[in-house]
């Protein structure tokens, strides 16, 4: 056996052709377009979820205001506004806190992995 076969190749056998480079570039451009489209769709979906959450909070706030108005005698509109805000802000804040906590835990795990590897 030749020395080159036993040691492995450090260089490719032939130079890459211009066709291959162009095909790679076109594939990368298509992948970039697909990725950008997916990002736009996910951004839209995020806004839809936020809007649905706001509508559900407003509906639940109206229900709370209606019940509280009948039971305690509070006026409907201020009670509705406060209840809707509480029903939207409190779960949203809890979700944001949980997301940040998860992100910190992930970054700590990644730091620990890199320090264990080094």
N, C-alpha and C. Protein backbone atom coordinates (compact mmCIF):
# COMPACT_ATOMS: atom_id res chain seq x y z
N UNK A 1 0.83 -1.18 0.00
CA UNK A 1 0.00 0.00 0.00
C UNK A 1 0.87 1.24 0.00
N UNK A 2 0.37 2.25 -0.62
CA UNK A 2 1.15 3.48 -0.67
C UNK A 2 1.01 4.23 0.65
N UNK A 3 1.96 5.06 0.89
CA UNK A 3 1.97 5.85 2.12
C UNK A 3 0.76 6.77 2.19
N UNK A 4 0.37 7.28 1.05
CA UNK A 4 -0.76 8.21 1.00
C UNK A 4 -2.05 7.52 1.45
N UNK A 5 -2.30 6.29 1.09
CA UNK A 5 -3.51 5.57 1.49
C UNK A 5 -3.53 5.31 2.99
N UNK A 6 -2.40 4.99 3.56
CA UNK A 6 -2.38 4.68 4.98
C UNK A 6 -2.52 5.92 5.83
N UNK A 7 -2.08 7.05 5.35
CA UNK A 7 -2.14 8.27 6.15
C UNK A 7 -3.43 9.06 5.92
N UNK A 8 -4.16 8.74 4.93
CA UNK A 8 -5.37 9.50 4.63
C UNK A 8 -5.05 10.67 3.73
N UNK A 9 -6.05 11.22 3.13
CA UNK A 9 -5.83 12.31 2.19
C UNK A 9 -6.02 13.64 2.89
N UNK A 10 -5.07 14.53 2.68
CA UNK A 10 -5.20 15.86 3.24
C UNK A 10 -5.87 16.80 2.25
N UNK A 11 -5.82 16.45 0.96
CA UNK A 11 -6.42 17.28 -0.08
C UNK A 11 -7.42 16.45 -0.87
N UNK A 12 -8.45 17.07 -1.41
CA UNK A 12 -9.37 16.30 -2.25
C UNK A 12 -8.67 15.83 -3.52
N UNK A 13 -9.21 14.80 -4.11
CA UNK A 13 -8.60 14.23 -5.32
C UNK A 13 -8.59 15.22 -6.46
N UNK A 14 -9.69 15.92 -6.64
CA UNK A 14 -9.75 16.88 -7.73
C UNK A 14 -10.32 18.19 -7.20
N UNK A 15 -10.08 19.23 -7.96
CA UNK A 15 -10.60 20.53 -7.57
C UNK A 15 -12.11 20.54 -7.78
N UNK A 16 -12.84 21.22 -6.89
CA UNK A 16 -14.29 21.28 -7.10
C UNK A 16 -14.60 22.07 -8.36
N UNK A 17 -15.59 21.61 -9.06
CA UNK A 17 -15.94 22.27 -10.32
C UNK A 17 -16.77 23.51 -10.05
N UNK A 18 -16.81 24.38 -11.03
CA UNK A 18 -17.60 25.60 -10.92
C UNK A 18 -19.08 25.27 -10.82
N UNK A 19 -19.50 24.18 -11.49
CA UNK A 19 -20.90 23.76 -11.41
C UNK A 19 -21.29 23.42 -9.98
N UNK A 20 -20.41 22.70 -9.32
CA UNK A 20 -20.69 22.29 -7.95
C UNK A 20 -20.78 23.50 -7.04
N UNK A 21 -19.89 24.45 -7.20
CA UNK A 21 -19.95 25.65 -6.38
C UNK A 21 -21.23 26.43 -6.63
N UNK A 22 -21.62 26.53 -7.90
CA UNK A 22 -22.84 27.25 -8.22
C UNK A 22 -24.05 26.51 -7.65
N UNK A 23 -24.05 25.20 -7.75
CA UNK A 23 -25.15 24.40 -7.22
C UNK A 23 -25.22 24.55 -5.70
N UNK A 24 -24.06 24.56 -5.06
CA UNK A 24 -24.04 24.76 -3.60
C UNK A 24 -24.58 26.13 -3.22
N UNK A 25 -24.17 27.14 -3.98
CA UNK A 25 -24.67 28.49 -3.69
C UNK A 25 -26.17 28.58 -3.88
N UNK A 26 -26.67 27.98 -4.96
CA UNK A 26 -28.12 28.01 -5.21
C UNK A 26 -28.87 27.25 -4.12
N UNK A 27 -28.33 26.14 -3.68
CA UNK A 27 -28.98 25.38 -2.60
C UNK A 27 -28.96 26.19 -1.31
N UNK A 28 -27.87 26.89 -1.05
CA UNK A 28 -27.79 27.71 0.16
C UNK A 28 -28.78 28.87 0.08
N UNK A 29 -28.92 29.47 -1.10
CA UNK A 29 -29.89 30.55 -1.26
C UNK A 29 -31.31 30.06 -1.05
N UNK A 30 -31.63 28.88 -1.60
CA UNK A 30 -32.97 28.31 -1.40
C UNK A 30 -33.21 28.01 0.07
N UNK A 31 -32.21 27.47 0.74
CA UNK A 31 -32.35 27.17 2.17
C UNK A 31 -32.55 28.46 2.96
N UNK A 32 -31.85 29.51 2.57
CA UNK A 32 -32.00 30.80 3.25
C UNK A 32 -33.41 31.35 3.05
N UNK A 33 -33.95 31.24 1.81
CA UNK A 33 -35.31 31.71 1.54
C UNK A 33 -36.33 30.93 2.36
N UNK A 34 -36.16 29.62 2.42
CA UNK A 34 -37.09 28.78 3.18
C UNK A 34 -37.02 29.13 4.66
N UNK A 35 -35.82 29.35 5.15
CA UNK A 35 -35.64 29.71 6.56
C UNK A 35 -36.30 31.05 6.86
N UNK A 36 -36.10 32.04 5.99
CA UNK A 36 -36.71 33.35 6.20
C UNK A 36 -38.23 33.27 6.16
N UNK A 37 -38.78 32.47 5.26
CA UNK A 37 -40.22 32.29 5.19
C UNK A 37 -40.75 31.65 6.47
N UNK A 38 -40.04 30.65 6.98
CA UNK A 38 -40.46 30.00 8.23
C UNK A 38 -40.41 30.98 9.39
N UNK A 39 -39.39 31.83 9.43
CA UNK A 39 -39.29 32.82 10.50
C UNK A 39 -40.46 33.79 10.43
N UNK A 40 -40.79 34.26 9.24
CA UNK A 40 -41.94 35.18 9.10
C UNK A 40 -43.23 34.52 9.55
N UNK A 41 -43.43 33.25 9.18
CA UNK A 41 -44.65 32.54 9.58
C UNK A 41 -44.70 32.35 11.09
N UNK A 42 -43.57 32.03 11.70
CA UNK A 42 -43.56 31.87 13.16
C UNK A 42 -43.80 33.19 13.87
N UNK A 43 -43.28 34.29 13.31
CA UNK A 43 -43.57 35.60 13.89
C UNK A 43 -45.06 35.90 13.82
N UNK A 44 -45.67 35.60 12.69
CA UNK A 44 -47.11 35.81 12.54
C UNK A 44 -47.88 34.94 13.53
N UNK A 45 -47.48 33.69 13.65
CA UNK A 45 -48.14 32.79 14.60
C UNK A 45 -48.01 33.31 16.03
N UNK A 46 -46.87 33.87 16.36
CA UNK A 46 -46.68 34.43 17.70
C UNK A 46 -47.66 35.57 17.96
N UNK A 47 -47.85 36.44 16.97
CA UNK A 47 -48.82 37.54 17.13
C UNK A 47 -50.25 37.00 17.25
N UNK A 48 -50.55 35.97 16.51
CA UNK A 48 -51.90 35.37 16.59
C UNK A 48 -52.13 34.80 17.99
N UNK A 49 -51.12 34.13 18.53
CA UNK A 49 -51.27 33.57 19.88
C UNK A 49 -51.43 34.68 20.91
N UNK A 50 -50.63 35.73 20.78
CA UNK A 50 -50.78 36.87 21.71
C UNK A 50 -52.18 37.48 21.60
N UNK A 51 -52.67 37.65 20.38
CA UNK A 51 -54.01 38.21 20.18
C UNK A 51 -55.10 37.32 20.76
N UNK A 52 -54.97 36.02 20.55
CA UNK A 52 -55.96 35.09 21.11
C UNK A 52 -55.93 35.14 22.64
N UNK A 53 -54.74 35.24 23.20
CA UNK A 53 -54.63 35.36 24.66
C UNK A 53 -55.28 36.63 25.17
N UNK A 54 -55.09 37.72 24.45
CA UNK A 54 -55.70 39.00 24.85
C UNK A 54 -57.22 38.91 24.76
N UNK A 55 -57.73 38.30 23.69
CA UNK A 55 -59.18 38.16 23.56
C UNK A 55 -59.76 37.27 24.65
N UNK A 56 -59.06 36.19 24.97
CA UNK A 56 -59.55 35.31 26.05
C UNK A 56 -59.51 36.03 27.39
N UNK A 57 -58.48 36.83 27.62
CA UNK A 57 -58.39 37.59 28.87
C UNK A 57 -59.52 38.62 28.95
N UNK A 58 -59.84 39.25 27.82
CA UNK A 58 -60.94 40.22 27.83
C UNK A 58 -62.27 39.54 28.08
N UNK A 59 -62.47 38.38 27.47
CA UNK A 59 -63.73 37.65 27.69
C UNK A 59 -63.83 37.18 29.14
N UNK A 60 -62.75 36.65 29.67
CA UNK A 60 -62.76 36.21 31.07
C UNK A 60 -62.94 37.40 32.00
N UNK A 61 -62.31 38.52 31.67
CA UNK A 61 -62.48 39.74 32.48
C UNK A 61 -63.91 40.23 32.48
N UNK A 62 -64.56 40.11 31.33
CA UNK A 62 -65.98 40.50 31.26
C UNK A 62 -66.83 39.59 32.13
N UNK A 63 -66.52 38.29 32.11
CA UNK A 63 -67.26 37.36 32.97
C UNK A 63 -67.04 37.68 34.45
N UNK A 64 -65.81 37.95 34.82
CA UNK A 64 -65.51 38.30 36.22
C UNK A 64 -66.23 39.60 36.60
N UNK A 65 -66.18 40.60 35.72
CA UNK A 65 -66.84 41.88 36.00
C UNK A 65 -68.34 41.71 36.12
N UNK A 66 -68.92 40.87 35.30
CA UNK A 66 -70.36 40.64 35.36
C UNK A 66 -70.74 39.99 36.69
N UNK A 67 -69.97 38.96 37.10
CA UNK A 67 -70.25 38.27 38.35
C UNK A 67 -70.02 39.20 39.54
N UNK A 68 -68.90 39.94 39.52
CA UNK A 68 -68.59 40.84 40.64
C UNK A 68 -69.58 42.00 40.71
N UNK A 69 -70.01 42.46 39.55
CA UNK A 69 -71.00 43.55 39.54
C UNK A 69 -72.32 43.10 40.16
N UNK A 70 -72.72 41.87 39.87
CA UNK A 70 -73.98 41.36 40.42
C UNK A 70 -73.84 41.03 41.90
N UNK A 71 -72.68 40.49 42.30
CA UNK A 71 -72.51 40.03 43.68
C UNK A 71 -72.14 41.18 44.62
N UNK A 72 -71.23 42.04 44.22
CA UNK A 72 -70.70 43.06 45.12
C UNK A 72 -71.23 44.45 44.79
N UNK A 73 -71.66 44.64 43.58
CA UNK A 73 -72.19 45.94 43.19
C UNK A 73 -71.14 46.85 42.56
N UNK A 74 -70.01 46.30 42.13
CA UNK A 74 -68.98 47.11 41.47
C UNK A 74 -69.43 47.47 40.07
N UNK A 75 -68.97 48.60 39.58
CA UNK A 75 -69.33 48.99 38.22
C UNK A 75 -68.61 48.07 37.21
N UNK A 76 -69.25 47.85 36.10
CA UNK A 76 -68.77 46.85 35.15
C UNK A 76 -67.46 47.24 34.46
N UNK A 77 -67.40 48.45 33.88
CA UNK A 77 -66.26 48.81 33.04
C UNK A 77 -64.93 48.83 33.79
N UNK A 78 -64.78 49.50 34.92
CA UNK A 78 -63.48 49.47 35.61
C UNK A 78 -63.10 48.07 36.08
N UNK A 79 -64.10 47.30 36.54
CA UNK A 79 -63.83 45.94 36.98
C UNK A 79 -63.38 45.08 35.79
N UNK A 80 -64.00 45.29 34.65
CA UNK A 80 -63.63 44.55 33.45
C UNK A 80 -62.19 44.86 33.03
N UNK A 81 -61.83 46.13 33.05
CA UNK A 81 -60.48 46.54 32.65
C UNK A 81 -59.44 45.93 33.59
N UNK A 82 -59.67 46.06 34.89
CA UNK A 82 -58.71 45.54 35.86
C UNK A 82 -58.62 44.02 35.78
N UNK A 83 -59.75 43.35 35.71
CA UNK A 83 -59.75 41.88 35.64
C UNK A 83 -59.08 41.39 34.35
N UNK A 84 -59.36 42.04 33.24
CA UNK A 84 -58.74 41.65 31.97
C UNK A 84 -57.23 41.83 32.02
N UNK A 85 -56.79 42.93 32.56
CA UNK A 85 -55.34 43.17 32.66
C UNK A 85 -54.69 42.12 33.56
N UNK A 86 -55.33 41.84 34.69
CA UNK A 86 -54.76 40.84 35.60
C UNK A 86 -54.72 39.46 34.94
N UNK A 87 -55.78 39.12 34.22
CA UNK A 87 -55.83 37.81 33.58
C UNK A 87 -54.88 37.69 32.38
N UNK A 88 -54.42 38.81 31.85
CA UNK A 88 -53.47 38.78 30.75
C UNK A 88 -52.03 38.96 31.24
N UNK A 89 -51.83 39.87 32.17
CA UNK A 89 -50.48 40.22 32.61
C UNK A 89 -49.89 39.15 33.53
N UNK A 90 -50.65 38.64 34.46
CA UNK A 90 -50.10 37.67 35.42
C UNK A 90 -49.64 36.38 34.71
N UNK A 91 -50.46 35.74 33.88
CA UNK A 91 -49.94 34.56 33.17
C UNK A 91 -48.79 34.89 32.22
N UNK A 92 -48.86 36.05 31.57
CA UNK A 92 -47.78 36.46 30.67
C UNK A 92 -46.47 36.67 31.42
N UNK A 93 -46.55 37.32 32.57
CA UNK A 93 -45.34 37.53 33.37
C UNK A 93 -44.79 36.20 33.87
N UNK A 94 -45.67 35.30 34.27
CA UNK A 94 -45.21 33.98 34.73
C UNK A 94 -44.53 33.23 33.60
N UNK A 95 -45.07 33.33 32.39
CA UNK A 95 -44.46 32.65 31.24
C UNK A 95 -43.10 33.25 30.91
N UNK A 96 -42.99 34.57 30.95
CA UNK A 96 -41.71 35.22 30.66
C UNK A 96 -40.67 34.85 31.71
N UNK A 97 -41.06 34.83 32.97
CA UNK A 97 -40.13 34.44 34.04
C UNK A 97 -39.66 33.01 33.83
N UNK A 98 -40.57 32.11 33.47
CA UNK A 98 -40.19 30.71 33.24
C UNK A 98 -39.26 30.58 32.05
N UNK A 99 -39.53 31.32 30.98
CA UNK A 99 -38.67 31.27 29.79
C UNK A 99 -37.27 31.75 30.14
N UNK A 100 -37.16 32.85 30.86
CA UNK A 100 -35.83 33.36 31.24
C UNK A 100 -35.11 32.40 32.17
N UNK A 101 -35.86 31.77 33.06
CA UNK A 101 -35.25 30.78 33.96
C UNK A 101 -34.70 29.60 33.16
N UNK A 102 -35.47 29.13 32.18
CA UNK A 102 -35.01 28.04 31.32
C UNK A 102 -33.79 28.44 30.51
N UNK A 103 -33.78 29.68 29.99
CA UNK A 103 -32.63 30.16 29.22
C UNK A 103 -31.37 30.21 30.09
N UNK A 104 -31.51 30.69 31.33
CA UNK A 104 -30.36 30.74 32.24
C UNK A 104 -29.86 29.33 32.55
N UNK A 105 -30.78 28.39 32.74
CA UNK A 105 -30.38 27.01 33.02
C UNK A 105 -29.66 26.41 31.82
N UNK A 106 -30.15 26.69 30.61
CA UNK A 106 -29.50 26.19 29.40
C UNK A 106 -28.10 26.77 29.25
N UNK A 107 -27.96 28.08 29.49
CA UNK A 107 -26.64 28.69 29.33
C UNK A 107 -25.68 28.16 30.39
N UNK A 108 -26.18 27.89 31.61
CA UNK A 108 -25.33 27.32 32.66
C UNK A 108 -24.89 25.92 32.27
N UNK A 109 -25.81 25.12 31.72
CA UNK A 109 -25.45 23.77 31.27
C UNK A 109 -24.41 23.81 30.16
N UNK A 110 -24.56 24.76 29.23
CA UNK A 110 -23.59 24.86 28.14
C UNK A 110 -22.22 25.29 28.65
N UNK A 111 -22.20 26.21 29.62
CA UNK A 111 -20.92 26.63 30.20
C UNK A 111 -20.26 25.47 30.92
N UNK A 112 -21.06 24.67 31.62
CA UNK A 112 -20.51 23.52 32.33
C UNK A 112 -19.95 22.49 31.35
N UNK A 113 -20.63 22.29 30.23
CA UNK A 113 -20.14 21.35 29.22
C UNK A 113 -18.81 21.80 28.64
N UNK A 114 -18.72 23.09 28.33
CA UNK A 114 -17.49 23.59 27.73
C UNK A 114 -16.34 23.57 28.74
N UNK A 115 -16.64 23.82 30.00
CA UNK A 115 -15.56 23.76 31.01
C UNK A 115 -15.15 22.32 31.29
N UNK A 116 -16.08 21.38 31.17
CA UNK A 116 -15.72 19.97 31.34
C UNK A 116 -14.90 19.45 30.18
N UNK A 117 -15.17 19.96 28.97
CA UNK A 117 -14.44 19.52 27.78
C UNK A 117 -13.02 20.06 27.78
N UNK A 118 -12.83 21.25 28.31
CA UNK A 118 -11.53 21.93 28.22
C UNK A 118 -10.57 21.49 29.22
